[in-house]
Amino acid sequence: MQIRKRTLAAFLVAASIFATACAAEAPRVASVLDAPVSAAQTPARNGFANLYYENVQQRYGDVIYAQGSDAQKMDLYLPAHAKKPYPVVLAIHGGAWATGDKATGEVNPEMEALKYGFAVASINYRLSSEASFPAPLQDCKAAVRFLKAHAKKYKLEDDKIVAWGDSAGGNLAALLGTTARVKNLEDKSLGSPKENSSVAAVVAFFPAVSLSNYPEILRQNGIKSRFSPAESEAYASQYIGGKYDPQSPKVKAVNPLTYLTNDAPPFFIMNGDQDDIVPVQESKALADALANAIGPKNVAYYVIRGGSHGGPAFENPRNLATVFAFLHDQIGTPDTLIKMKTKR
């Protein structure tokens, strides 16, 4: 009988390889999605794809959400054929905190939310060439406060704002989720000071977390880094505003896990197992820590088999459907595609 019990236990452990961990103290594993063949064979993009969206009733371009920089603007999209008030996705583009724009294909995954009845606010923020941390995060917080202050005007659900970003934007989205109560990271002089910057949920695609030596970790993973060690260090140094040292307080300050408490919102995390910029260990470490802090039921972690650092696999509607199912379960947002009258 004892042998049978051990055999059954071993089988159950093995069967969990492709499922989300069920206990915070257990080693966390990821649910696995497959990249479409075309996506798996698509080389990493060197530039930004064109922005694509549909199911838009109205677009407000270059809305000023703060007064400190010309970068502090958002494009706000309201969905067609959707129920008001709208839950909101705050789209935070990537680009190593040094490049990128709110109106490029960097935010194409977030634009899928329009088909589910979300409004989408795609923001620009001060890049590292203009201001180092915490300025980019303070801009994101100002954008959240702006949306809450103007929720009635735009018919938004101010208690259902989802921070969604990829790569560097994923880092900022995760920081929004873990720093709501950190006063020294809030600059209310940027606008809407009566509001808070808490978000209802976070979606982080291949987020930078620890700013460890990514090229070396990727080498150990058997993956050639897209950036040289010097390039990777330069991006990190410019973001933190000082010489890069993985153990420095400035690096610790940009790590969302530095601020993690048990009142963080639900997190959805996704990365590709062939990521050549941010090692897969970053997403797993974030998911593990969150599962311990807020409970595994509030954390979803998916790995796209064959997926790289962005690209078509992360824009695939079937893969993105898992995001919206999670948001529906966690905060009560729509979970089905809207029947649109628009055509591609």
C-alpha atoms as a PDB file:
ATOM      1  CA  MET A   1       0.000   0.000   0.000  1.00  0.00           C
ATOM      2  CA  GLN A   2       2.847   2.389   0.881  1.00  0.00           C
ATOM      3  CA  ILE A   3       4.533   1.723  -2.477  1.00  0.00           C
ATOM      4  CA  ARG A   4       1.276   2.405  -4.326  1.00  0.00           C
ATOM      5  CA  LYS A   5       0.888   5.701  -2.494  1.00  0.00           C
ATOM      6  CA  ARG A   6       4.418   6.728  -3.433  1.00  0.00           C
ATOM      7  CA  THR A   7       3.835   5.775  -7.055  1.00  0.00           C
ATOM      8  CA  LEU A   8       0.618   7.793  -7.174  1.00  0.00           C
ATOM      9  CA  ALA A   9       2.333  10.804  -5.603  1.00  0.00           C
ATOM     10  CA  ALA A  10       5.153  10.638  -8.159  1.00  0.00           C
ATOM     11  CA  PHE A  11       2.639  10.491 -10.997  1.00  0.00           C
ATOM     12  CA  LEU A  12       0.780  13.551  -9.724  1.00  0.00           C
ATOM     13  CA  VAL A  13       3.992  15.554  -9.444  1.00  0.00           C
ATOM     14  CA  ALA A  14       4.993  14.620 -12.988  1.00  0.00           C
ATOM     15  CA  ALA A  15       1.562  15.518 -14.318  1.00  0.00           C
ATOM     16  CA  SER A  16       1.847  19.026 -12.899  1.00  0.00           C
ATOM     17  CA  ILE A  17       4.647  20.051 -15.263  1.00  0.00           C
ATOM     18  CA  PHE A  18       2.203  21.771 -17.617  1.00  0.00           C
ATOM     19  CA  ALA A  19      -0.066  23.288 -14.974  1.00  0.00           C
ATOM     20  CA  THR A  20       0.141  26.304 -12.707  1.00  0.00           C
ATOM     21  CA  ALA A  21       1.429  25.525  -9.233  1.00  0.00           C
ATOM     22  CA  CYS A  22      -1.348  24.942  -6.736  1.00  0.00           C
ATOM     23  CA  ALA A  23       0.502  25.758  -3.533  1.00  0.00           C
ATOM     24  CA  ALA A  24       2.613  28.806  -2.797  1.00  0.00           C
ATOM     25  CA  GLU A  25       5.302  26.752  -1.063  1.00  0.00           C
ATOM     26  CA  ALA A  26       5.621  24.316  -3.985  1.00  0.00           C
ATOM     27  CA  PRO A  27       8.027  24.963  -6.895  1.00  0.00           C
ATOM     28  CA  ARG A  28       6.092  27.071  -9.367  1.00  0.00           C
ATOM     29  CA  VAL A  29       5.744  25.785 -12.901  1.00  0.00           C
ATOM     30  CA  ALA A  30       4.060  27.388 -15.860  1.00  0.00           C
ATOM     31  CA  SER A  31       1.115  26.568 -18.009  1.00  0.00           C
ATOM     32  CA  VAL A  32       2.409  26.113 -21.545  1.00  0.00           C
ATOM     33  CA  LEU A  33       1.103  27.641 -24.734  1.00  0.00           C
ATOM     34  CA  ASP A  34       2.465  26.968 -28.201  1.00  0.00           C
ATOM     35  CA  ALA A  35       3.527  29.664 -30.612  1.00  0.00           C
ATOM     36  CA  PRO A  36       1.981  29.296 -34.071  1.00  0.00           C
ATOM     37  CA  VAL A  37       4.508  27.806 -36.492  1.00  0.00           C
ATOM     38  CA  SER A  38       4.822  31.125 -38.319  1.00  0.00           C
ATOM     39  CA  ALA A  39       5.530  32.903 -35.045  1.00  0.00           C
ATOM     40  CA  ALA A  40       8.074  30.352 -33.900  1.00  0.00           C
ATOM     41  CA  GLN A  41       9.963  30.765 -37.166  1.00  0.00           C
ATOM     42  CA  THR A  42       9.805  34.563 -37.191  1.00  0.00           C
ATOM     43  CA  PRO A  43      13.186  36.117 -36.309  1.00  0.00           C
ATOM     44  CA  ALA A  44      13.354  38.673 -33.539  1.00  0.00           C
ATOM     45  CA  ARG A  45      12.232  42.095 -34.674  1.00  0.00           C
ATOM     46  CA  ASN A  46      14.810  44.887 -34.739  1.00  0.00           C
ATOM     47  CA  GLY A  47      12.233  47.639 -35.131  1.00  0.00           C
ATOM     48  CA  PHE A  48       8.663  48.338 -34.095  1.00  0.00           C
ATOM     49  CA  ALA A  49       5.744  46.904 -36.024  1.00  0.00           C
ATOM     50  CA  ASN A  50       2.807  49.025 -37.096  1.00  0.00           C
ATOM     51  CA  LEU A  51      -0.017  49.573 -34.648  1.00  0.00           C
ATOM     52  CA  TYR A  52      -3.182  47.606 -35.378  1.00  0.00           C
ATOM     53  CA  TYR A  53      -6.551  47.868 -33.690  1.00  0.00           C
ATOM     54  CA  GLU A  54     -10.271  47.514 -34.348  1.00  0.00           C
ATOM     55  CA  ASN A  55     -13.636  47.895 -32.600  1.00  0.00           C
ATOM     56  CA  VAL A  56     -13.010  51.552 -31.776  1.00  0.00           C
ATOM     57  CA  GLN A  57     -15.918  53.921 -31.245  1.00  0.00           C
ATOM     58  CA  GLN A  58     -13.767  56.959 -30.535  1.00  0.00           C
ATOM     59  CA  ARG A  59     -10.083  57.801 -30.283  1.00  0.00           C
ATOM     60  CA  TYR A  60      -8.623  60.721 -28.335  1.00  0.00           C
ATOM     61  CA  GLY A  61      -5.054  61.347 -29.467  1.00  0.00           C
ATOM     62  CA  ASP A  62      -2.231  62.966 -27.489  1.00  0.00           C
ATOM     63  CA  VAL A  63      -4.267  63.548 -24.359  1.00  0.00           C
ATOM     64  CA  ILE A  64      -2.064  65.385 -21.846  1.00  0.00           C
ATOM     65  CA  TYR A  65      -2.130  63.510 -18.542  1.00  0.00           C
ATOM     66  CA  ALA A  66       0.605  65.479 -16.717  1.00  0.00           C
ATOM     67  CA  GLN A  67       2.362  68.824 -17.019  1.00  0.00           C
ATOM     68  CA  GLY A  68       6.022  67.954 -16.501  1.00  0.00           C
ATOM     69  CA  SER A  69       7.151  66.870 -19.976  1.00  0.00           C
ATOM     70  CA  ASP A  70       6.034  66.712 -23.580  1.00  0.00           C
ATOM     71  CA  ALA A  71       6.287  62.934 -23.254  1.00  0.00           C
ATOM     72  CA  GLN A  72       3.377  62.791 -20.809  1.00  0.00           C
ATOM     73  CA  LYS A  73       0.621  62.070 -23.310  1.00  0.00           C
ATOM     74  CA  MET A  74      -1.729  59.186 -23.963  1.00  0.00           C
ATOM     75  CA  ASP A  75      -3.901  57.944 -26.802  1.00  0.00           C
ATOM     76  CA  LEU A  76      -7.253  56.866 -25.409  1.00  0.00           C
ATOM     77  CA  TYR A  77      -9.398  54.405 -27.373  1.00  0.00           C
ATOM     78  CA  LEU A  78     -13.029  53.726 -26.433  1.00  0.00           C
ATOM     79  CA  PRO A  79     -14.524  50.454 -27.678  1.00  0.00           C
ATOM     80  CA  ALA A  80     -17.508  50.147 -29.977  1.00  0.00           C
ATOM     81  CA  HIS A  81     -20.395  47.734 -29.315  1.00  0.00           C
ATOM     82  CA  ALA A  82     -19.451  47.600 -25.628  1.00  0.00           C
ATOM     83  CA  LYS A  83     -21.209  48.237 -22.349  1.00  0.00           C
ATOM     84  CA  LYS A  84     -20.444  51.427 -20.428  1.00  0.00           C
ATOM     85  CA  PRO A  85     -18.627  52.197 -18.236  1.00  0.00           C
ATOM     86  CA  TYR A  86     -15.561  50.512 -19.692  1.00  0.00           C
ATOM     87  CA  PRO A  87     -12.821  48.709 -17.800  1.00  0.00           C
ATOM     88  CA  VAL A  88      -9.443  50.123 -18.856  1.00  0.00           C
ATOM     89  CA  VAL A  89      -6.126  48.738 -20.029  1.00  0.00           C
ATOM     90  CA  LEU A  90      -3.210  51.073 -19.401  1.00  0.00           C
ATOM     91  CA  ALA A  91      -0.798  50.074 -22.176  1.00  0.00           C
ATOM     92  CA  ILE A  92       2.883  50.671 -21.375  1.00  0.00           C
ATOM     93  CA  HIS A  93       5.227  50.154 -24.323  1.00  0.00           C
ATOM     94  CA  GLY A  94       8.637  48.517 -24.036  1.00  0.00           C
ATOM     95  CA  GLY A  95      11.960  49.552 -25.510  1.00  0.00           C
ATOM     96  CA  ALA A  96      14.587  49.186 -22.756  1.00  0.00           C
ATOM     97  CA  TRP A  97      13.216  52.399 -21.171  1.00  0.00           C
ATOM     98  CA  ALA A  98      15.140  54.222 -23.913  1.00  0.00           C
ATOM     99  CA  THR A  99      12.993  53.855 -27.047  1.00  0.00           C
ATOM    100  CA  GLY A 100       9.426  53.084 -28.089  1.00  0.00           C
ATOM    101  CA  ASP A 101       6.187  54.945 -28.581  1.00  0.00           C
ATOM    102  CA  LYS A 102       2.532  54.634 -27.624  1.00  0.00           C
ATOM    103  CA  ALA A 103       1.414  54.422 -31.265  1.00  0.00           C
ATOM    104  CA  THR A 104       3.554  51.493 -32.444  1.00  0.00           C
ATOM    105  CA  GLY A 105       2.960  47.770 -32.651  1.00  0.00           C
ATOM    106  CA  GLU A 106       4.628  47.374 -29.264  1.00  0.00           C
ATOM    107  CA  VAL A 107       1.142  47.678 -27.797  1.00  0.00           C
ATOM    108  CA  ASN A 108      -0.684  45.477 -30.298  1.00  0.00           C
ATOM    109  CA  PRO A 109      -1.366  42.801 -27.656  1.00  0.00           C
ATOM    110  CA  GLU A 110      -3.017  45.396 -25.435  1.00  0.00           C
ATOM    111  CA  MET A 111      -5.168  46.576 -28.349  1.00  0.00           C
ATOM    112  CA  GLU A 112      -6.871  43.179 -28.371  1.00  0.00           C
ATOM    113  CA  ALA A 113      -8.640  44.404 -25.225  1.00  0.00           C
ATOM    114  CA  LEU A 114     -10.842  46.648 -27.377  1.00  0.00           C
ATOM    115  CA  LYS A 115     -12.484  43.507 -28.727  1.00  0.00           C
ATOM    116  CA  TYR A 116     -13.424  42.550 -25.178  1.00  0.00           C
ATOM    117  CA  GLY A 117     -15.055  45.854 -24.281  1.00  0.00           C
ATOM    118  CA  PHE A 118     -12.075  47.532 -22.606  1.00  0.00           C
ATOM    119  CA  ALA A 119     -10.969  51.082 -23.198  1.00  0.00           C
ATOM    120  CA  VAL A 120      -7.245  51.262 -23.926  1.00  0.00           C
ATOM    121  CA  ALA A 121      -5.034  54.137 -22.766  1.00  0.00           C
ATOM    122  CA  SER A 122      -1.663  53.814 -24.503  1.00  0.00           C
ATOM    123  CA  ILE A 123       0.865  56.098 -22.862  1.00  0.00           C
ATOM    124  CA  ASN A 124       4.206  57.670 -23.534  1.00  0.00           C
ATOM    125  CA  TYR A 125       6.430  58.342 -20.550  1.00  0.00           C
ATOM    126  CA  ARG A 126       9.768  60.012 -20.010  1.00  0.00           C
ATOM    127  CA  LEU A 127      12.447  57.821 -21.552  1.00  0.00           C
ATOM    128  CA  SER A 128      15.773  57.299 -19.831  1.00  0.00           C
ATOM    129  CA  SER A 129      17.515  59.830 -22.089  1.00  0.00           C
ATOM    130  CA  GLU A 130      15.291  62.506 -20.544  1.00  0.00           C
ATOM    131  CA  ALA A 131      14.955  61.275 -16.968  1.00  0.00           C
ATOM    132  CA  SER A 132      16.049  58.220 -15.007  1.00  0.00           C
ATOM    133  CA  PHE A 133      14.074  56.223 -12.468  1.00  0.00           C
ATOM    134  CA  PRO A 134      11.701  56.935 -10.758  1.00  0.00           C
ATOM    135  CA  ALA A 135      10.500  59.422 -13.417  1.00  0.00           C
ATOM    136  CA  PRO A 136       9.098  56.784 -15.837  1.00  0.00           C
ATOM    137  CA  LEU A 137       7.171  55.123 -12.996  1.00  0.00           C
ATOM    138  CA  GLN A 138       5.921  58.475 -11.714  1.00  0.00           C
ATOM    139  CA  ASP A 139       4.560  59.154 -15.204  1.00  0.00           C
ATOM    140  CA  CYS A 140       2.722  55.833 -15.209  1.00  0.00           C
ATOM    141  CA  LYS A 141       1.250  56.649 -11.813  1.00  0.00           C
ATOM    142  CA  ALA A 142       0.183  60.085 -13.046  1.00  0.00           C
ATOM    143  CA  ALA A 143      -1.546  58.423 -16.013  1.00  0.00           C
ATOM    144  CA  VAL A 144      -3.490  56.114 -13.660  1.00  0.00           C
ATOM    145  CA  ARG A 145      -4.539  59.086 -11.528  1.00  0.00           C
ATOM    146  CA  PHE A 146      -5.614  60.996 -14.658  1.00  0.00           C
ATOM    147  CA  LEU A 147      -7.834  58.130 -15.800  1.00  0.00           C
ATOM    148  CA  LYS A 148      -9.482  57.975 -12.380  1.00  0.00           C
ATOM    149  CA  ALA A 149      -9.968  61.753 -12.241  1.00  0.00           C
ATOM    150  CA  HIS A 150     -11.590  61.758 -15.694  1.00  0.00           C
ATOM    151  CA  ALA A 151     -13.470  58.478 -15.457  1.00  0.00           C
ATOM    152  CA  LYS A 152     -16.915  60.105 -15.740  1.00  0.00           C
ATOM    153  CA  LYS A 153     -15.905  62.169 -18.764  1.00  0.00           C
ATOM    154  CA  TYR A 154     -14.727  59.139 -20.726  1.00  0.00           C
ATOM    155  CA  LYS A 155     -17.167  56.647 -19.142  1.00  0.00           C
ATOM    156  CA  LEU A 156     -14.487  54.491 -17.530  1.00  0.00           C
ATOM    157  CA  GLU A 157     -14.600  52.077 -14.591  1.00  0.00           C
ATOM    158  CA  ASP A 158     -12.040  53.704 -12.333  1.00  0.00           C
ATOM    159  CA  ASP A 159     -11.777  50.634 -10.112  1.00  0.00           C
ATOM    160  CA  LYS A 160     -10.949  48.338 -13.049  1.00  0.00           C
ATOM    161  CA  ILE A 161      -7.725  49.758 -14.470  1.00  0.00           C
ATOM    162  CA  VAL A 162      -5.305  47.046 -15.632  1.00  0.00           C
ATOM    163  CA  ALA A 163      -1.624  47.910 -16.042  1.00  0.00           C
ATOM    164  CA  TRP A 164      -0.273  45.969 -19.045  1.00  0.00           C
ATOM    165  CA  GLY A 165       3.249  46.226 -20.403  1.00  0.00           C
ATOM    166  CA  ASP A 166       5.973  44.207 -22.082  1.00  0.00           C
ATOM    167  CA  SER A 167       9.699  44.043 -21.338  1.00  0.00           C
ATOM    168  CA  ALA A 168      10.631  47.476 -19.918  1.00  0.00           C
ATOM    169  CA  GLY A 169       6.910  48.276 -19.941  1.00  0.00           C
ATOM    170  CA  GLY A 170       6.336  45.019 -18.080  1.00  0.00           C
ATOM    171  CA  ASN A 171       8.747  46.207 -15.423  1.00  0.00           C
ATOM    172  CA  LEU A 172       6.794  49.458 -15.056  1.00  0.00           C
ATOM    173  CA  ALA A 173       3.448  47.627 -15.015  1.00  0.00           C
ATOM    174  CA  ALA A 174       4.724  45.292 -12.292  1.00  0.00           C
ATOM    175  CA  LEU A 175       5.999  48.281 -10.310  1.00  0.00           C
ATOM    176  CA  LEU A 176       2.560  49.875 -10.546  1.00  0.00           C
ATOM    177  CA  GLY A 177       1.192  46.696  -9.003  1.00  0.00           C
ATOM    178  CA  THR A 178       3.605  46.569  -6.083  1.00  0.00           C
ATOM    179  CA  THR A 179       4.196  50.248  -5.212  1.00  0.00           C
ATOM    180  CA  ALA A 180       0.697  51.649  -4.724  1.00  0.00           C
ATOM    181  CA  ARG A 181       1.495  52.500  -1.099  1.00  0.00           C
ATOM    182  CA  VAL A 182       5.070  53.720  -1.628  1.00  0.00           C
ATOM    183  CA  LYS A 183       4.754  57.483  -1.187  1.00  0.00           C
ATOM    184  CA  ASN A 184       8.283  58.419  -2.244  1.00  0.00           C
ATOM    185  CA  LEU A 185       7.630  56.980  -5.705  1.00  0.00           C
ATOM    186  CA  GLU A 186       4.544  59.140  -6.185  1.00  0.00           C
ATOM    187  CA  ASP A 187       4.885  62.657  -7.617  1.00  0.00           C
ATOM    188  CA  LYS A 188       1.425  64.172  -7.283  1.00  0.00           C
ATOM    189  CA  SER A 189       2.681  67.505  -8.581  1.00  0.00           C
ATOM    190  CA  LEU A 190       2.326  65.914 -12.016  1.00  0.00           C
ATOM    191  CA  GLY A 191      -1.461  66.134 -11.761  1.00  0.00           C
ATOM    192  CA  SER A 192      -4.688  64.638 -10.367  1.00  0.00           C
ATOM    193  CA  PRO A 193      -3.318  64.728  -6.796  1.00  0.00           C
ATOM    194  CA  LYS A 194      -6.595  63.701  -5.147  1.00  0.00           C
ATOM    195  CA  GLU A 195      -6.518  60.284  -6.811  1.00  0.00           C
ATOM    196  CA  ASN A 196      -4.393  57.235  -6.013  1.00  0.00           C
ATOM    197  CA  SER A 197      -2.353  55.182  -8.464  1.00  0.00           C
ATOM    198  CA  SER A 198      -3.460  51.694  -7.458  1.00  0.00           C
ATOM    199  CA  VAL A 199      -4.422  49.311 -10.252  1.00  0.00           C
ATOM    200  CA  ALA A 200      -6.873  46.406 -10.187  1.00  0.00           C
ATOM    201  CA  ALA A 201      -4.601  43.935 -11.963  1.00  0.00           C
ATOM    202  CA  VAL A 202      -1.281  43.652 -13.789  1.00  0.00           C
ATOM    203  CA  VAL A 203      -0.411  41.923 -17.055  1.00  0.00           C
ATOM    204  CA  ALA A 204       3.353  41.641 -17.570  1.00  0.00           C
ATOM    205  CA  PHE A 205       4.803  40.129 -20.737  1.00  0.00           C
ATOM    206  CA  PHE A 206       8.475  39.048 -20.427  1.00  0.00           C
ATOM    207  CA  PRO A 207       9.113  41.718 -17.778  1.00  0.00           C
ATOM    208  CA  ALA A 208      12.538  42.881 -16.668  1.00  0.00           C
ATOM    209  CA  VAL A 209      12.629  42.293 -12.905  1.00  0.00           C
ATOM    210  CA  SER A 210      16.008  42.023 -11.209  1.00  0.00           C
ATOM    211  CA  LEU A 211      18.240  43.636 -13.874  1.00  0.00           C
ATOM    212  CA  SER A 212      20.751  40.858 -13.320  1.00  0.00           C
ATOM    213  CA  ASN A 213      23.466  40.147 -15.880  1.00  0.00           C
ATOM    214  CA  TYR A 214      21.037  39.115 -18.612  1.00  0.00           C
ATOM    215  CA  PRO A 215      23.573  38.238 -21.374  1.00  0.00           C
ATOM    216  CA  GLU A 216      25.415  35.857 -19.025  1.00  0.00           C
ATOM    217  CA  ILE A 217      22.199  34.198 -17.816  1.00  0.00           C
ATOM    218  CA  LEU A 218      21.059  33.778 -21.402  1.00  0.00           C
ATOM    219  CA  ARG A 219      24.427  32.203 -22.269  1.00  0.00           C
ATOM    220  CA  GLN A 220      23.914  29.714 -19.462  1.00  0.00           C
ATOM    221  CA  ASN A 221      20.441  29.032 -20.902  1.00  0.00           C
ATOM    222  CA  GLY A 222      22.024  28.202 -24.253  1.00  0.00           C
ATOM    223  CA  ILE A 223      20.591  31.340 -25.895  1.00  0.00           C
ATOM    224  CA  LYS A 224      22.637  34.072 -27.584  1.00  0.00           C
ATOM    225  CA  SER A 225      21.695  37.473 -26.198  1.00  0.00           C
ATOM    226  CA  ARG A 226      20.367  40.019 -28.665  1.00  0.00           C
ATOM    227  CA  PHE A 227      22.354  42.659 -26.795  1.00  0.00           C
ATOM    228  CA  SER A 228      26.038  42.584 -25.967  1.00  0.00           C
ATOM    229  CA  PRO A 229      27.012  42.837 -22.287  1.00  0.00           C
ATOM    230  CA  ALA A 230      28.036  46.461 -22.866  1.00  0.00           C
ATOM    231  CA  GLU A 231      24.706  47.322 -24.506  1.00  0.00           C
ATOM    232  CA  SER A 232      22.697  45.613 -21.776  1.00  0.00           C
ATOM    233  CA  GLU A 233      24.675  47.415 -19.081  1.00  0.00           C
ATOM    234  CA  ALA A 234      24.282  50.770 -20.851  1.00  0.00           C
ATOM    235  CA  TYR A 235      20.480  50.461 -20.979  1.00  0.00           C
ATOM    236  CA  ALA A 236      20.331  49.504 -17.304  1.00  0.00           C
ATOM    237  CA  SER A 237      22.717  52.299 -16.257  1.00  0.00           C
ATOM    238  CA  GLN A 238      20.707  54.935 -18.071  1.00  0.00           C
ATOM    239  CA  TYR A 239      17.463  53.689 -16.518  1.00  0.00           C
ATOM    240  CA  ILE A 240      18.718  53.644 -12.938  1.00  0.00           C
ATOM    241  CA  GLY A 241      20.662  56.880 -13.356  1.00  0.00           C
ATOM    242  CA  GLY A 242      24.063  55.601 -12.301  1.00  0.00           C
ATOM    243  CA  LYS A 243      26.763  52.999 -12.836  1.00  0.00           C
ATOM    244  CA  TYR A 244      25.281  49.543 -13.216  1.00  0.00           C
ATOM    245  CA  ASP A 245      25.960  47.158 -10.357  1.00  0.00           C
ATOM    246  CA  PRO A 246      23.529  44.252  -9.850  1.00  0.00           C
ATOM    247  CA  GLN A 247      23.891  44.630  -6.078  1.00  0.00           C
ATOM    248  CA  SER A 248      23.432  48.398  -5.906  1.00  0.00           C
ATOM    249  CA  PRO A 249      20.495  50.091  -4.142  1.00  0.00           C
ATOM    250  CA  LYS A 250      19.544  51.718  -7.446  1.00  0.00           C
ATOM    251  CA  VAL A 251      19.067  48.323  -9.088  1.00  0.00           C
ATOM    252  CA  LYS A 252      17.081  47.126  -6.087  1.00  0.00           C
ATOM    253  CA  ALA A 253      14.870  50.232  -6.372  1.00  0.00           C
ATOM    254  CA  VAL A 254      13.653  49.298  -9.882  1.00  0.00           C
ATOM    255  CA  ASN A 255      12.860  45.695  -8.903  1.00  0.00           C
ATOM    256  CA  PRO A 256       9.101  45.280  -8.285  1.00  0.00           C
ATOM    257  CA  LEU A 257       9.828  42.517  -5.771  1.00  0.00           C
ATOM    258  CA  THR A 258      11.509  45.080  -3.505  1.00  0.00           C
ATOM    259  CA  TYR A 259       8.064  46.457  -2.650  1.00  0.00           C
ATOM    260  CA  LEU A 260       5.977  43.284  -2.750  1.00  0.00           C
ATOM    261  CA  THR A 261       3.370  42.871  -0.007  1.00  0.00           C
ATOM    262  CA  ASN A 262       0.345  40.642   0.416  1.00  0.00           C
ATOM    263  CA  ASP A 263      -2.028  43.360  -0.833  1.00  0.00           C
ATOM    264  CA  ALA A 264      -0.654  43.418  -4.380  1.00  0.00           C
ATOM    265  CA  PRO A 265      -3.273  42.985  -7.124  1.00  0.00           C
ATOM    266  CA  PRO A 266      -3.643  39.856  -9.275  1.00  0.00           C
ATOM    267  CA  PHE A 267      -0.848  39.286 -11.814  1.00  0.00           C
ATOM    268  CA  PHE A 268      -0.826  37.601 -15.211  1.00  0.00           C
ATOM    269  CA  ILE A 269       2.707  36.867 -16.495  1.00  0.00           C
ATOM    270  CA  MET A 270       3.766  35.497 -19.865  1.00  0.00           C
ATOM    271  CA  ASN A 271       7.125  34.910 -21.524  1.00  0.00           C
ATOM    272  CA  GLY A 272       8.645  32.883 -24.349  1.00  0.00           C
ATOM    273  CA  ASP A 273      11.069  30.055 -23.683  1.00  0.00           C
ATOM    274  CA  GLN A 274      13.368  31.361 -26.444  1.00  0.00           C
ATOM    275  CA  ASP A 275      13.526  34.950 -25.177  1.00  0.00           C
ATOM    276  CA  ASP A 276      16.883  36.416 -26.181  1.00  0.00           C
ATOM    277  CA  ILE A 277      16.717  39.651 -24.153  1.00  0.00           C
ATOM    278  CA  VAL A 278      15.114  38.910 -20.771  1.00  0.00           C
ATOM    279  CA  PRO A 279      15.862  35.444 -19.358  1.00  0.00           C
ATOM    280  CA  VAL A 280      12.877  33.248 -18.534  1.00  0.00           C
ATOM    281  CA  GLN A 281      14.095  33.132 -14.929  1.00  0.00           C
ATOM    282  CA  GLU A 282      12.833  36.701 -14.479  1.00  0.00           C
ATOM    283  CA  SER A 283       9.184  35.806 -15.087  1.00  0.00           C
ATOM    284  CA  LYS A 284       9.397  32.672 -12.972  1.00  0.00           C
ATOM    285  CA  ALA A 285      10.980  34.516 -10.046  1.00  0.00           C
ATOM    286  CA  LEU A 286       8.239  37.131 -10.195  1.00  0.00           C
ATOM    287  CA  ALA A 287       5.509  34.484 -10.364  1.00  0.00           C
ATOM    288  CA  ASP A 288       7.007  32.497  -7.487  1.00  0.00           C
ATOM    289  CA  ALA A 289       7.286  35.530  -5.209  1.00  0.00           C
ATOM    290  CA  LEU A 290       3.770  36.690  -6.040  1.00  0.00           C
ATOM    291  CA  ALA A 291       2.317  33.239  -5.415  1.00  0.00           C
ATOM    292  CA  ASN A 292       3.870  33.256  -1.960  1.00  0.00           C
ATOM    293  CA  ALA A 293       2.696  36.800  -1.204  1.00  0.00           C
ATOM    294  CA  ILE A 294      -0.846  36.928  -2.597  1.00  0.00           C
ATOM    295  CA  GLY A 295      -1.668  33.264  -3.174  1.00  0.00           C
ATOM    296  CA  PRO A 296      -1.280  31.113  -6.303  1.00  0.00           C
ATOM    297  CA  LYS A 297      -4.934  31.564  -7.273  1.00  0.00           C
ATOM    298  CA  ASN A 298      -4.207  35.240  -7.900  1.00  0.00           C
ATOM    299  CA  VAL A 299      -1.262  34.595 -10.193  1.00  0.00           C
ATOM    300  CA  ALA A 300      -1.199  33.112 -13.683  1.00  0.00           C
ATOM    301  CA  TYR A 301       2.111  32.298 -15.340  1.00  0.00           C
ATOM    302  CA  TYR A 302       2.303  31.114 -18.948  1.00  0.00           C
ATOM    303  CA  VAL A 303       5.266  30.176 -21.107  1.00  0.00           C
ATOM    304  CA  ILE A 304       4.940  30.265 -24.892  1.00  0.00           C
ATOM    305  CA  ARG A 305       6.934  27.349 -26.245  1.00  0.00           C
ATOM    306  CA  GLY A 306       8.933  28.651 -29.208  1.00  0.00           C
ATOM    307  CA  GLY A 307       8.181  32.275 -28.323  1.00  0.00           C
ATOM    308  CA  SER A 308      10.895  34.912 -28.329  1.00  0.00           C
ATOM    309  CA  HIS A 309      10.938  38.468 -26.962  1.00  0.00           C
ATOM    310  CA  GLY A 310       7.616  39.656 -28.344  1.00  0.00           C
ATOM    311  CA  GLY A 311       6.342  39.054 -31.847  1.00  0.00           C
ATOM    312  CA  PRO A 312       3.303  37.304 -33.322  1.00  0.00           C
ATOM    313  CA  ALA A 313       3.062  34.615 -30.639  1.00  0.00           C
ATOM    314  CA  PHE A 314       2.172  37.297 -28.093  1.00  0.00           C
ATOM    315  CA  GLU A 315      -0.419  38.801 -30.432  1.00  0.00           C
ATOM    316  CA  ASN A 316      -2.126  35.506 -31.212  1.00  0.00           C
ATOM    317  CA  PRO A 317      -5.815  35.812 -30.233  1.00  0.00           C
ATOM    318  CA  ARG A 318      -5.908  32.301 -28.788  1.00  0.00           C
ATOM    319  CA  ASN A 319      -2.961  33.019 -26.496  1.00  0.00           C
ATOM    320  CA  LEU A 320      -4.370  36.420 -25.544  1.00  0.00           C
ATOM    321  CA  ALA A 321      -7.730  34.869 -24.661  1.00  0.00           C
ATOM    322  CA  THR A 322      -6.056  33.422 -21.570  1.00  0.00           C
ATOM    323  CA  VAL A 323      -5.331  36.963 -20.367  1.00  0.00           C
ATOM    324  CA  PHE A 324      -8.942  38.061 -20.624  1.00  0.00           C
ATOM    325  CA  ALA A 325     -10.269  34.900 -19.001  1.00  0.00           C
ATOM    326  CA  PHE A 326      -7.945  35.585 -16.062  1.00  0.00           C
ATOM    327  CA  LEU A 327      -9.052  39.227 -15.801  1.00  0.00           C
ATOM    328  CA  HIS A 328     -12.691  38.186 -15.917  1.00  0.00           C
ATOM    329  CA  ASP A 329     -12.201  35.726 -13.089  1.00  0.00           C
ATOM    330  CA  GLN A 330     -10.179  38.151 -10.987  1.00  0.00           C
ATOM    331  CA  ILE A 331     -11.908  41.509 -11.389  1.00  0.00           C
ATOM    332  CA  GLY A 332     -15.132  40.788 -13.241  1.00  0.00           C
ATOM    333  CA  THR A 333     -14.335  42.180 -16.672  1.00  0.00           C
ATOM    334  CA  PRO A 334     -15.915  40.889 -19.910  1.00  0.00           C
ATOM    335  CA  ASP A 335     -14.635  37.466 -20.891  1.00  0.00           C
ATOM    336  CA  THR A 336     -16.002  37.022 -24.422  1.00  0.00           C
ATOM    337  CA  LEU A 337     -15.286  38.688 -27.708  1.00  0.00           C
ATOM    338  CA  ILE A 338     -17.694  41.414 -28.721  1.00  0.00           C
ATOM    339  CA  LYS A 339     -19.686  40.771 -31.888  1.00  0.00           C
ATOM    340  CA  MET A 340     -18.185  43.465 -34.040  1.00  0.00           C
ATOM    341  CA  LYS A 341     -19.593  45.027 -37.184  1.00  0.00           C
ATOM    342  CA  THR A 342     -16.153  46.200 -38.279  1.00  0.00           C
ATOM    343  CA  LYS A 343     -14.102  44.456 -40.936  1.00  0.00           C
ATOM    344  CA  ARG A 344     -10.385  44.132 -41.396  1.00  0.00           C
END
